[in-house]
């Protein structure tokens, strides 16, 4: 949509019942594209298109119900529309439906149905890496399918090669532990490194440990300090990863205290011990108490 004339033409087609035009008009209202942003109008036109069977509109309407956007939040209604779209092959709806079955959102949990819909998305021409990762998790855990570590590795590899961080880390763990593949610490570090570059504490802390202990790489305290530092002050801090932030901070304190990879500096060691203690790291707290800090 580039100008008012296009909007007029789209609206006219939408009012005459053209489902594609109804979807486009809804999207314009949702984005405020050449019209005043109006979510109520967006939902109105997505509903009209969805009721005519347009899969992309059915997916969008399902999202509206899942989020409680203009309409009352209703996962069961969301699932209803996602199923309609999914059965027509809409990839996004298939993924949403898989997540609904996995989490029991608006429908009873069903691991077999989760796998069924994840598989459809995972093998699609433009496969969704998150679906490939989750499908790998199903095989790893034996959820909805027979446990198969090699099959888990297969799907994690596909997602990892698309840059999906969680899959890169999972694949690294497989190589480190020899789960589903031959053990290969060098290959493990390769995938850990790619995952760590994404900016999350767990992956950065794990890579730091590799360098600090010489796991799959030449022991390198300076490189370990680099990654401990990144994990200690990560770009993204998730509550579930607080323990890794704290562990990285404490290890950084140890590096400064012992002169591993950095000049020895007790002030810096105390600084990072305090930070780790604030995150709940018990050893850091004990160390501070011992020094009366």
Protein backbone atom coordinates (compact mmCIF):
# COMPACT_ATOMS: atom_id res chain seq x y z
CA UNK A 1 0.00 0.00 0.00
CA UNK A 2 1.65 3.23 -1.12
CA UNK A 3 -1.07 5.86 -1.24
CA UNK A 4 -4.69 6.75 -0.52
CA UNK A 5 -5.90 5.42 -3.89
CA UNK A 6 -4.52 1.99 -3.08
CA UNK A 7 -6.28 2.03 0.29
CA UNK A 8 -9.55 3.01 -1.39
CA UNK A 9 -9.21 0.18 -3.90
CA UNK A 10 -8.36 -2.28 -1.16
CA UNK A 11 -11.28 -1.16 1.00
CA UNK A 12 -13.69 -1.42 -1.91
CA UNK A 13 -12.53 -4.97 -2.70
CA UNK A 14 -12.72 -5.87 1.00
CA UNK A 15 -16.27 -4.54 1.28
CA UNK A 16 -17.19 -6.59 -1.79
CA UNK A 17 -16.03 -9.70 0.04
CA UNK A 18 -12.53 -10.26 -1.34
CA UNK A 19 -10.75 -12.19 1.42
CA UNK A 20 -7.22 -11.24 0.32
CA UNK A 21 -8.21 -7.57 0.32
CA UNK A 22 -9.80 -7.96 3.75
CA UNK A 23 -6.54 -9.43 5.04
CA UNK A 24 -4.47 -6.61 3.52
CA UNK A 25 -6.79 -3.97 4.92
CA UNK A 26 -6.60 -5.56 8.38
CA UNK A 27 -2.81 -5.54 8.17
CA UNK A 28 -2.83 -1.85 7.24
CA UNK A 29 -4.93 -1.05 10.30
CA UNK A 30 -2.72 -3.23 12.49
CA UNK A 31 0.46 -1.48 11.34
CA UNK A 32 -0.97 1.99 10.85
CA UNK A 33 0.10 1.81 7.23
CA UNK A 34 -1.51 4.72 5.32
CA UNK A 35 -4.42 4.63 7.77
CA UNK A 36 -4.73 5.55 11.42
CA UNK A 37 -3.68 2.52 13.46
CA UNK A 38 -6.81 0.79 14.72
CA UNK A 39 -6.55 -2.69 16.20
CA UNK A 40 -10.32 -3.07 16.43
CA UNK A 41 -10.62 -2.52 12.68
CA UNK A 42 -7.76 -4.93 12.11
CA UNK A 43 -9.52 -7.66 14.08
CA UNK A 44 -12.80 -6.90 12.30
CA UNK A 45 -11.29 -7.42 8.85
CA UNK A 46 -9.16 -10.42 9.84
CA UNK A 47 -12.33 -12.03 11.16
CA UNK A 48 -14.17 -11.42 7.88
CA UNK A 49 -11.29 -12.96 5.92
CA UNK A 50 -10.94 -15.82 8.41
CA UNK A 51 -14.63 -16.65 8.16
CA UNK A 52 -14.16 -16.99 4.40
CA UNK A 53 -11.43 -19.56 5.03
CA UNK A 54 -8.28 -17.51 4.41
CA UNK A 55 -5.59 -19.36 6.38
CA UNK A 56 -3.32 -16.37 7.03
CA UNK A 57 -6.27 -14.45 8.49
CA UNK A 58 -7.29 -17.43 10.61
CA UNK A 59 -3.79 -17.53 12.05
CA UNK A 60 -3.86 -13.80 12.83
CA UNK A 61 -7.29 -14.04 14.45
CA UNK A 62 -6.01 -16.89 16.60
CA UNK A 63 -3.09 -14.72 17.71
CA UNK A 64 -5.56 -11.97 18.67
CA UNK A 65 -7.45 -14.38 20.92
CA UNK A 66 -4.23 -15.76 22.42
CA UNK A 67 -3.00 -12.28 23.30
CA UNK A 68 -6.33 -10.77 24.23
CA UNK A 69 -5.93 -8.12 21.55
CA UNK A 70 -9.27 -6.21 21.34
CA UNK A 71 -11.09 -9.52 21.92
CA UNK A 72 -11.17 -11.25 25.31
CA UNK A 73 -8.21 -13.58 25.84
CA UNK A 74 -9.41 -17.06 24.94
CA UNK A 75 -6.90 -19.82 24.16
CA UNK A 76 -9.63 -22.27 23.17
CA UNK A 77 -10.86 -19.82 20.53
CA UNK A 78 -7.27 -19.23 19.44
CA UNK A 79 -6.73 -22.97 19.00
CA UNK A 80 -9.95 -23.22 16.99
CA UNK A 81 -8.69 -20.71 14.43
CA UNK A 82 -5.13 -22.04 14.40
CA UNK A 83 -6.42 -25.54 13.70
CA UNK A 84 -8.43 -24.27 10.73
CA UNK A 85 -5.36 -22.51 9.33
CA UNK A 86 -3.00 -25.37 10.18
CA UNK A 87 -5.13 -27.88 8.32
CA UNK A 88 -4.74 -25.68 5.24
CA UNK A 89 -0.95 -25.81 5.62
CA UNK A 90 -0.30 -22.43 7.25
CA UNK A 91 3.17 -22.89 8.75
CA UNK A 92 2.79 -20.27 11.50
CA UNK A 93 -0.53 -21.72 12.61
CA UNK A 94 0.91 -25.22 12.64
CA UNK A 95 3.68 -24.03 14.95
CA UNK A 96 1.23 -22.23 17.26
CA UNK A 97 -0.94 -25.34 17.37
CA UNK A 98 2.07 -27.50 18.26
CA UNK A 99 2.91 -25.15 21.14
CA UNK A 100 -0.71 -25.23 22.31
CA UNK A 101 -0.68 -29.04 22.44
CA UNK A 102 2.70 -28.99 24.17
CA UNK A 103 1.67 -26.52 26.86
CA UNK A 104 -2.01 -27.43 27.16
CA UNK A 105 -3.10 -23.92 26.15
CA UNK A 106 -6.78 -23.99 25.19
CA UNK A 107 -6.62 -27.72 24.60
CA UNK A 108 -5.54 -30.85 26.47
CA UNK A 109 -1.82 -31.56 26.40
CA UNK A 110 -0.99 -34.15 23.76
CA UNK A 111 2.64 -35.04 23.08
CA UNK A 112 1.85 -37.04 19.94
CA UNK A 113 -0.08 -34.11 18.45
CA UNK A 114 2.78 -31.79 19.41
CA UNK A 115 5.21 -33.95 17.44
CA UNK A 116 2.82 -34.25 14.51
CA UNK A 117 2.51 -30.49 14.05
CA UNK A 118 6.15 -29.73 14.83
CA UNK A 119 7.18 -32.22 12.18
CA UNK A 120 5.01 -30.53 9.55
CA UNK A 121 6.72 -27.20 10.27
CA UNK A 122 10.19 -28.72 10.59
CA UNK A 123 10.10 -30.33 7.12
CA UNK A 124 8.47 -27.40 5.34
CA UNK A 125 10.32 -25.73 2.46
CA UNK A 126 11.01 -22.73 4.69
CA UNK A 127 11.39 -24.75 7.87
CA UNK A 128 11.05 -22.98 11.20
CA UNK A 129 14.28 -23.50 13.22
CA UNK A 130 12.41 -23.23 16.53
CA UNK A 131 10.18 -26.12 15.41
CA UNK A 132 13.24 -28.15 14.44
CA UNK A 133 14.79 -27.48 17.84
CA UNK A 134 11.63 -28.45 19.73
CA UNK A 135 11.24 -31.57 17.61
CA UNK A 136 14.78 -32.49 18.57
CA UNK A 137 13.82 -32.01 22.21
CA UNK A 138 10.88 -34.38 21.77
CA UNK A 139 13.22 -37.09 20.45
CA UNK A 140 15.75 -36.37 23.20
CA UNK A 141 13.11 -36.70 25.92
CA UNK A 142 10.99 -39.41 24.32
CA UNK A 143 7.98 -37.08 24.39
CA UNK A 144 5.37 -38.21 21.87
CA UNK A 145 7.96 -40.37 20.08
CA UNK A 146 10.40 -43.09 21.03
CA UNK A 147 13.55 -41.63 22.60
CA UNK A 148 16.21 -41.35 19.90
CA UNK A 149 19.34 -39.29 20.58
CA UNK A 150 20.58 -39.58 17.00
CA UNK A 151 17.28 -38.22 15.71
CA UNK A 152 17.47 -35.41 18.26
CA UNK A 153 20.93 -34.50 16.97
CA UNK A 154 19.62 -34.54 13.39
CA UNK A 155 16.96 -31.92 14.13
CA UNK A 156 19.17 -29.84 16.40
CA UNK A 157 21.80 -29.74 13.67
CA UNK A 158 19.27 -28.45 11.14
CA UNK A 159 18.20 -25.67 13.52
CA UNK A 160 21.79 -24.94 14.58
CA UNK A 161 22.87 -24.49 10.97
CA UNK A 162 20.15 -21.83 10.66
CA UNK A 163 21.71 -19.99 13.62
CA UNK A 164 19.20 -21.02 16.31
CA UNK A 165 21.11 -20.48 19.55
CA UNK A 166 19.42 -23.10 21.74
CA UNK A 167 20.04 -25.75 19.08
CA UNK A 168 23.69 -24.72 18.73
CA UNK A 169 24.17 -25.15 22.47
CA UNK A 170 22.30 -28.47 22.56
CA UNK A 171 24.39 -29.78 19.67
CA UNK A 172 27.55 -28.72 21.49
CA UNK A 173 26.43 -30.65 24.57
CA UNK A 174 25.82 -33.73 22.40
CA UNK A 175 29.34 -33.58 21.02
CA UNK A 176 30.80 -33.01 24.48
CA UNK A 177 28.94 -35.94 26.01
CA UNK A 178 28.87 -38.25 23.00
CA UNK A 179 25.07 -38.35 22.96
CA UNK A 180 23.73 -39.33 19.54
CA UNK A 181 27.14 -38.59 17.97
CA UNK A 182 30.72 -39.62 18.57
CA UNK A 183 32.28 -37.56 21.34
CA UNK A 184 34.26 -34.65 19.91
CA UNK A 185 35.22 -31.81 22.26
CA UNK A 186 36.60 -29.68 19.42
CA UNK A 187 33.27 -29.87 17.59
CA UNK A 188 31.50 -29.17 20.86
CA UNK A 189 33.46 -25.94 21.36
CA UNK A 190 32.71 -24.90 17.77
CA UNK A 191 28.97 -24.98 18.50
CA UNK A 192 29.37 -23.52 21.99
CA UNK A 193 31.22 -20.60 20.45
CA UNK A 194 28.46 -19.92 17.92
CA UNK A 195 25.86 -20.06 20.69
CA UNK A 196 27.90 -17.81 23.00
CA UNK A 197 28.12 -15.13 20.31
CA UNK A 198 24.34 -14.64 20.65
CA UNK A 199 24.86 -12.87 24.01
CA UNK A 200 23.29 -15.09 26.69
CA UNK A 201 24.99 -15.87 30.00
CA UNK A 202 24.64 -19.68 30.10
CA UNK A 203 26.28 -20.15 26.71
CA UNK A 204 29.03 -17.60 27.41
CA UNK A 205 29.78 -19.09 30.84
CA UNK A 206 29.96 -22.57 29.36
CA UNK A 207 32.45 -21.43 26.71
CA UNK A 208 34.54 -19.70 29.39
CA UNK A 209 34.77 -23.00 31.27
CA UNK A 210 36.05 -24.70 28.12
CA UNK A 211 38.92 -22.21 27.86
CA UNK A 212 39.59 -22.26 31.61
CA UNK A 213 39.88 -26.07 31.66
CA UNK A 214 41.22 -26.80 28.18
CA UNK A 215 38.11 -28.71 27.10
CA UNK A 216 38.27 -28.99 23.31
CA UNK A 217 40.63 -25.99 23.08
CA UNK A 218 44.08 -25.08 24.31
CA UNK A 219 43.85 -23.87 27.90
CA UNK A 220 43.71 -20.07 27.68
CA UNK A 221 42.93 -18.07 30.82
CA UNK A 222 42.84 -14.76 28.95
CA UNK A 223 40.13 -16.12 26.65
CA UNK A 224 38.34 -17.61 29.64
CA UNK A 225 38.36 -14.20 31.33
CA UNK A 226 36.94 -12.63 28.16
CA UNK A 227 33.94 -14.97 28.20
CA UNK A 228 33.51 -14.92 31.99
CA UNK A 229 33.33 -11.14 31.69
CA UNK A 230 30.69 -11.30 28.95
CA UNK A 231 28.61 -13.76 30.99
CA UNK A 232 29.09 -11.68 34.13
CA UNK A 233 27.57 -8.65 32.42
CA UNK A 234 25.48 -10.18 29.61
CA UNK A 235 23.66 -8.37 26.86
CA UNK A 236 20.49 -10.25 27.81
CA UNK A 237 19.70 -11.25 31.41
CA UNK A 238 17.00 -13.89 31.82
CA UNK A 239 15.87 -14.78 35.34
CA UNK A 240 16.45 -18.45 34.57
CA UNK A 241 20.11 -17.62 33.88
CA UNK A 242 20.86 -15.62 37.04
CA UNK A 243 22.84 -18.57 38.44
CA UNK A 244 25.17 -18.51 35.42
CA UNK A 245 25.65 -14.74 35.67
CA UNK A 246 26.58 -15.22 39.34
CA UNK A 247 28.90 -18.13 38.58
CA UNK A 248 30.65 -16.10 35.87
CA UNK A 249 31.06 -13.17 38.26
CA UNK A 250 32.52 -15.42 40.94
CA UNK A 251 34.91 -17.07 38.48
CA UNK A 252 35.97 -13.64 37.27
CA UNK A 253 36.66 -12.72 40.89
CA UNK A 254 38.85 -15.85 41.20
CA UNK A 255 40.75 -14.89 38.06
CA UNK A 256 41.52 -11.44 39.48
CA UNK A 257 42.39 -12.88 42.88
CA UNK A 258 44.83 -15.41 41.42
CA UNK A 259 46.08 -13.49 38.40
CA UNK A 260 44.66 -15.98 35.91
CA UNK A 261 44.48 -14.32 32.51
CA UNK A 262 44.53 -10.84 34.08
CA UNK A 263 46.92 -8.92 36.39
CA UNK A 264 46.24 -9.83 40.01
CA UNK A 265 43.87 -7.23 41.49
CA UNK A 266 42.18 -7.81 44.85
CA UNK A 267 39.94 -4.76 44.45
CA UNK A 268 38.52 -6.16 41.22
CA UNK A 269 38.22 -9.58 42.85
CA UNK A 270 36.15 -8.08 45.68
CA UNK A 271 34.03 -6.09 43.22
CA UNK A 272 33.04 -9.21 41.28
CA UNK A 273 32.56 -11.25 44.45
CA UNK A 274 30.08 -8.63 45.69
CA UNK A 275 28.21 -8.75 42.39
CA UNK A 276 28.06 -12.55 42.55
CA UNK A 277 26.87 -12.38 46.14
CA UNK A 278 24.07 -10.00 45.13
CA UNK A 279 22.93 -12.64 42.63
CA UNK A 280 22.85 -15.21 45.43
CA UNK A 281 26.16 -17.04 44.83
CA UNK A 282 26.89 -18.85 48.12
CA UNK A 283 30.66 -19.26 47.69
CA UNK A 284 30.97 -15.56 46.93
CA UNK A 285 29.04 -14.73 50.10
CA UNK A 286 31.24 -17.03 52.16
CA UNK A 287 34.37 -15.46 50.68
CA UNK A 288 33.15 -11.96 51.52
CA UNK A 289 32.24 -13.02 55.06
CA UNK A 290 35.68 -14.54 55.52
CA UNK A 291 37.25 -11.22 54.60
CA UNK A 292 34.72 -9.28 56.66
CA UNK A 293 33.40 -7.46 53.59
